[in-house]
Amino acid sequence: MSEITLIVPNDWVTEEKLVEITGLRPGTIERARKNCWMIGREYLHVSPDGVPKKNSECMYNRKAVDQWVESMSKKQPGARQ
């Protein structure tokens, strides 16, 4: 018999978990981080020494990312405004 593990994610997740949760591709996440998202709202740089740098790993606020995706519904080609 196989074992099933259910994971309930935190508000802040790694890119790997964000991909699993949202279905966004890593390239989409990178472009959104560079062009649309704000540090502290959708993502944060984190570091084990407590002093993150620009090239430090990012953690993502999955709830803020969900809101960003939801905001796309009003911007769809042909959508009524």
N, C-alpha and C. Protein backbone atom coordinates (compact mmCIF):
# COMPACT_ATOMS: atom_id res chain seq x y z
N MET A 1 0.84 -1.18 0.00
CA MET A 1 0.00 0.00 0.00
C MET A 1 0.89 1.24 0.00
N SER A 2 0.52 2.23 -0.78
CA SER A 2 1.31 3.46 -0.83
C SER A 2 0.82 4.44 0.24
N GLU A 3 1.73 5.26 0.67
CA GLU A 3 1.43 6.23 1.71
C GLU A 3 1.21 7.61 1.07
N ILE A 4 0.21 8.32 1.52
CA ILE A 4 -0.10 9.65 1.02
C ILE A 4 0.25 10.66 2.10
N THR A 5 0.99 11.68 1.72
CA THR A 5 1.34 12.75 2.64
C THR A 5 0.66 14.03 2.19
N LEU A 6 -0.06 14.65 3.08
CA LEU A 6 -0.75 15.90 2.79
C LEU A 6 0.05 17.03 3.42
N ILE A 7 0.43 18.01 2.59
CA ILE A 7 1.21 19.14 3.07
C ILE A 7 0.34 20.39 3.00
N VAL A 8 0.28 21.13 4.10
CA VAL A 8 -0.42 22.41 4.13
C VAL A 8 0.67 23.47 4.14
N PRO A 9 0.79 24.24 3.04
CA PRO A 9 1.89 25.19 2.94
C PRO A 9 1.74 26.40 3.85
N ASN A 10 2.87 26.94 4.26
CA ASN A 10 2.91 28.21 4.98
C ASN A 10 2.50 29.32 4.02
N ASP A 11 2.36 30.53 4.55
CA ASP A 11 2.10 31.68 3.68
C ASP A 11 3.30 31.94 2.77
N TRP A 12 4.51 31.77 3.29
CA TRP A 12 5.74 32.00 2.53
C TRP A 12 6.32 30.65 2.15
N VAL A 13 6.55 30.44 0.84
CA VAL A 13 7.01 29.15 0.34
C VAL A 13 8.20 29.34 -0.61
N THR A 14 8.93 28.26 -0.84
CA THR A 14 10.03 28.29 -1.80
C THR A 14 9.46 28.34 -3.22
N GLU A 15 10.33 28.62 -4.17
CA GLU A 15 9.89 28.63 -5.57
C GLU A 15 9.37 27.25 -5.98
N GLU A 16 10.04 26.21 -5.52
CA GLU A 16 9.63 24.84 -5.86
C GLU A 16 8.19 24.59 -5.41
N LYS A 17 7.84 24.99 -4.20
CA LYS A 17 6.48 24.80 -3.69
C LYS A 17 5.50 25.72 -4.40
N LEU A 18 5.94 26.94 -4.73
CA LEU A 18 5.05 27.87 -5.44
C LEU A 18 4.66 27.30 -6.80
N VAL A 19 5.62 26.67 -7.47
CA VAL A 19 5.34 26.02 -8.76
C VAL A 19 4.30 24.92 -8.56
N GLU A 20 4.48 24.10 -7.51
CA GLU A 20 3.54 23.00 -7.24
C GLU A 20 2.15 23.51 -6.89
N ILE A 21 2.09 24.58 -6.10
CA ILE A 21 0.81 25.10 -5.61
C ILE A 21 0.04 25.83 -6.71
N THR A 22 0.73 26.69 -7.47
CA THR A 22 0.04 27.56 -8.42
C THR A 22 0.05 27.05 -9.84
N GLY A 23 1.03 26.23 -10.18
CA GLY A 23 1.16 25.80 -11.56
C GLY A 23 1.95 26.79 -12.41
N LEU A 24 2.38 27.91 -11.81
CA LEU A 24 3.22 28.86 -12.54
C LEU A 24 4.55 28.21 -12.86
N ARG A 25 5.11 28.55 -14.00
CA ARG A 25 6.41 28.01 -14.39
C ARG A 25 7.52 28.85 -13.77
N PRO A 26 8.69 28.26 -13.55
CA PRO A 26 9.81 29.03 -12.98
C PRO A 26 10.15 30.29 -13.77
N GLY A 27 10.09 30.23 -15.09
CA GLY A 27 10.38 31.40 -15.90
C GLY A 27 9.34 32.50 -15.71
N THR A 28 8.09 32.12 -15.54
CA THR A 28 7.03 33.10 -15.29
C THR A 28 7.24 33.76 -13.94
N ILE A 29 7.61 32.97 -12.95
CA ILE A 29 7.88 33.50 -11.62
C ILE A 29 9.04 34.49 -11.67
N GLU A 30 10.10 34.14 -12.37
CA GLU A 30 11.25 35.03 -12.47
C GLU A 30 10.89 36.35 -13.15
N ARG A 31 10.15 36.27 -14.26
CA ARG A 31 9.76 37.50 -14.97
C ARG A 31 8.82 38.36 -14.12
N ALA A 32 7.88 37.73 -13.45
CA ALA A 32 6.96 38.49 -12.58
C ALA A 32 7.74 39.15 -11.44
N ARG A 33 8.69 38.43 -10.88
CA ARG A 33 9.50 38.99 -9.79
C ARG A 33 10.28 40.21 -10.28
N LYS A 34 10.80 40.15 -11.49
CA LYS A 34 11.60 41.26 -12.02
C LYS A 34 10.73 42.43 -12.50
N ASN A 35 9.52 42.15 -12.99
CA ASN A 35 8.73 43.19 -13.66
C ASN A 35 7.48 43.65 -12.91
N CYS A 36 6.91 42.80 -12.06
CA CYS A 36 5.60 43.13 -11.48
C CYS A 36 5.57 43.09 -9.95
N TRP A 37 6.23 42.12 -9.37
CA TRP A 37 6.09 41.89 -7.94
C TRP A 37 6.98 42.81 -7.13
N MET A 38 6.56 43.06 -5.89
CA MET A 38 7.31 43.92 -4.99
C MET A 38 7.96 43.09 -3.88
N ILE A 39 9.19 43.48 -3.54
CA ILE A 39 9.86 42.87 -2.39
C ILE A 39 9.03 43.19 -1.15
N GLY A 40 8.76 42.18 -0.35
CA GLY A 40 7.99 42.36 0.86
C GLY A 40 6.51 42.08 0.68
N ARG A 41 6.03 42.12 -0.56
CA ARG A 41 4.63 41.81 -0.81
C ARG A 41 4.50 40.42 -1.41
N GLU A 42 5.05 40.20 -2.61
CA GLU A 42 4.98 38.89 -3.24
C GLU A 42 6.20 38.02 -2.93
N TYR A 43 7.34 38.64 -2.65
CA TYR A 43 8.54 37.84 -2.39
C TYR A 43 9.50 38.55 -1.46
N LEU A 44 10.39 37.75 -0.87
CA LEU A 44 11.47 38.24 0.00
C LEU A 44 12.73 37.47 -0.32
N HIS A 45 13.88 38.13 -0.19
CA HIS A 45 15.15 37.42 -0.23
C HIS A 45 15.41 36.91 1.18
N VAL A 46 15.89 35.68 1.30
CA VAL A 46 16.17 35.10 2.61
C VAL A 46 17.59 34.55 2.63
N SER A 47 18.16 34.52 3.84
CA SER A 47 19.52 34.04 3.99
C SER A 47 19.67 33.41 5.37
N PRO A 48 20.40 32.30 5.47
CA PRO A 48 20.55 31.65 6.77
C PRO A 48 21.31 32.51 7.78
N ASP A 49 22.12 33.46 7.31
CA ASP A 49 22.84 34.32 8.26
C ASP A 49 22.04 35.57 8.64
N GLY A 50 20.82 35.69 8.11
CA GLY A 50 19.96 36.81 8.45
C GLY A 50 20.26 38.09 7.70
N VAL A 51 21.18 38.02 6.73
CA VAL A 51 21.55 39.20 5.95
C VAL A 51 21.40 38.85 4.47
N PRO A 52 20.16 38.90 3.94
CA PRO A 52 19.95 38.53 2.55
C PRO A 52 20.60 39.50 1.57
N LYS A 53 21.00 38.96 0.44
CA LYS A 53 21.60 39.74 -0.64
C LYS A 53 20.72 39.60 -1.88
N LYS A 54 21.01 40.36 -2.93
CA LYS A 54 20.21 40.30 -4.16
C LYS A 54 20.20 38.92 -4.78
N ASN A 55 21.27 38.13 -4.56
CA ASN A 55 21.32 36.80 -5.16
C ASN A 55 20.90 35.70 -4.17
N SER A 56 20.37 36.08 -3.01
CA SER A 56 19.90 35.10 -2.03
C SER A 56 18.62 34.43 -2.53
N GLU A 57 18.36 33.26 -1.99
CA GLU A 57 17.13 32.54 -2.33
C GLU A 57 15.91 33.40 -2.02
N CYS A 58 14.86 33.23 -2.80
CA CYS A 58 13.62 33.96 -2.56
C CYS A 58 12.57 33.04 -1.96
N MET A 59 11.74 33.63 -1.12
CA MET A 59 10.54 32.97 -0.60
C MET A 59 9.38 33.80 -1.13
N TYR A 60 8.26 33.13 -1.39
CA TYR A 60 7.13 33.76 -2.05
C TYR A 60 5.88 33.70 -1.18
N ASN A 61 5.15 34.80 -1.14
CA ASN A 61 3.89 34.87 -0.42
C ASN A 61 2.81 34.32 -1.34
N ARG A 62 2.41 33.09 -1.09
CA ARG A 62 1.49 32.41 -2.00
C ARG A 62 0.14 33.12 -2.07
N LYS A 63 -0.29 33.74 -1.00
CA LYS A 63 -1.58 34.44 -1.01
C LYS A 63 -1.51 35.70 -1.87
N ALA A 64 -0.39 36.43 -1.78
CA ALA A 64 -0.22 37.62 -2.61
C ALA A 64 -0.09 37.24 -4.08
N VAL A 65 0.58 36.12 -4.34
CA VAL A 65 0.71 35.65 -5.72
C VAL A 65 -0.66 35.24 -6.25
N ASP A 66 -1.47 34.59 -5.44
CA ASP A 66 -2.84 34.24 -5.86
C ASP A 66 -3.64 35.50 -6.21
N GLN A 67 -3.49 36.56 -5.41
CA GLN A 67 -4.19 37.81 -5.70
C GLN A 67 -3.70 38.41 -7.01
N TRP A 68 -2.40 38.33 -7.26
CA TRP A 68 -1.84 38.83 -8.51
C TRP A 68 -2.42 38.07 -9.71
N VAL A 69 -2.49 36.75 -9.59
CA VAL A 69 -3.07 35.94 -10.67
C VAL A 69 -4.53 36.31 -10.86
N GLU A 70 -5.26 36.46 -9.77
CA GLU A 70 -6.68 36.83 -9.85
C GLU A 70 -6.86 38.18 -10.53
N SER A 71 -5.93 39.10 -10.31
CA SER A 71 -6.03 40.43 -10.94
C SER A 71 -5.93 40.34 -12.46
N MET A 72 -5.40 39.26 -12.98
CA MET A 72 -5.29 39.08 -14.42
C MET A 72 -6.64 38.86 -15.08
N SER A 73 -7.66 38.48 -14.29
CA SER A 73 -8.97 38.21 -14.89
C SER A 73 -9.57 39.47 -15.52
N LYS A 74 -9.23 40.63 -14.99
CA LYS A 74 -9.75 41.88 -15.53
C LYS A 74 -8.93 42.39 -16.70
N LYS A 75 -7.81 41.78 -16.95
CA LYS A 75 -6.90 42.24 -18.00
C LYS A 75 -6.84 41.28 -19.19
N GLN A 76 -7.77 40.35 -19.25
CA GLN A 76 -7.77 39.35 -20.32
C GLN A 76 -8.12 40.00 -21.65
N PRO A 77 -7.51 39.53 -22.72
CA PRO A 77 -7.85 40.05 -24.05
C PRO A 77 -9.36 39.85 -24.31
N GLY A 78 -10.02 40.91 -24.66
CA GLY A 78 -11.45 40.82 -24.95
C GLY A 78 -12.35 40.90 -23.74
N ALA A 79 -11.78 41.02 -22.53
CA ALA A 79 -12.61 41.10 -21.32
C ALA A 79 -13.26 42.46 -21.23
N ARG A 80 -14.50 42.47 -20.75
CA ARG A 80 -15.21 43.74 -20.55
C ARG A 80 -14.66 44.42 -19.31
N GLN A 81 -14.54 45.71 -19.39
CA GLN A 81 -13.98 46.44 -18.25
C GLN A 81 -14.96 47.33 -17.58
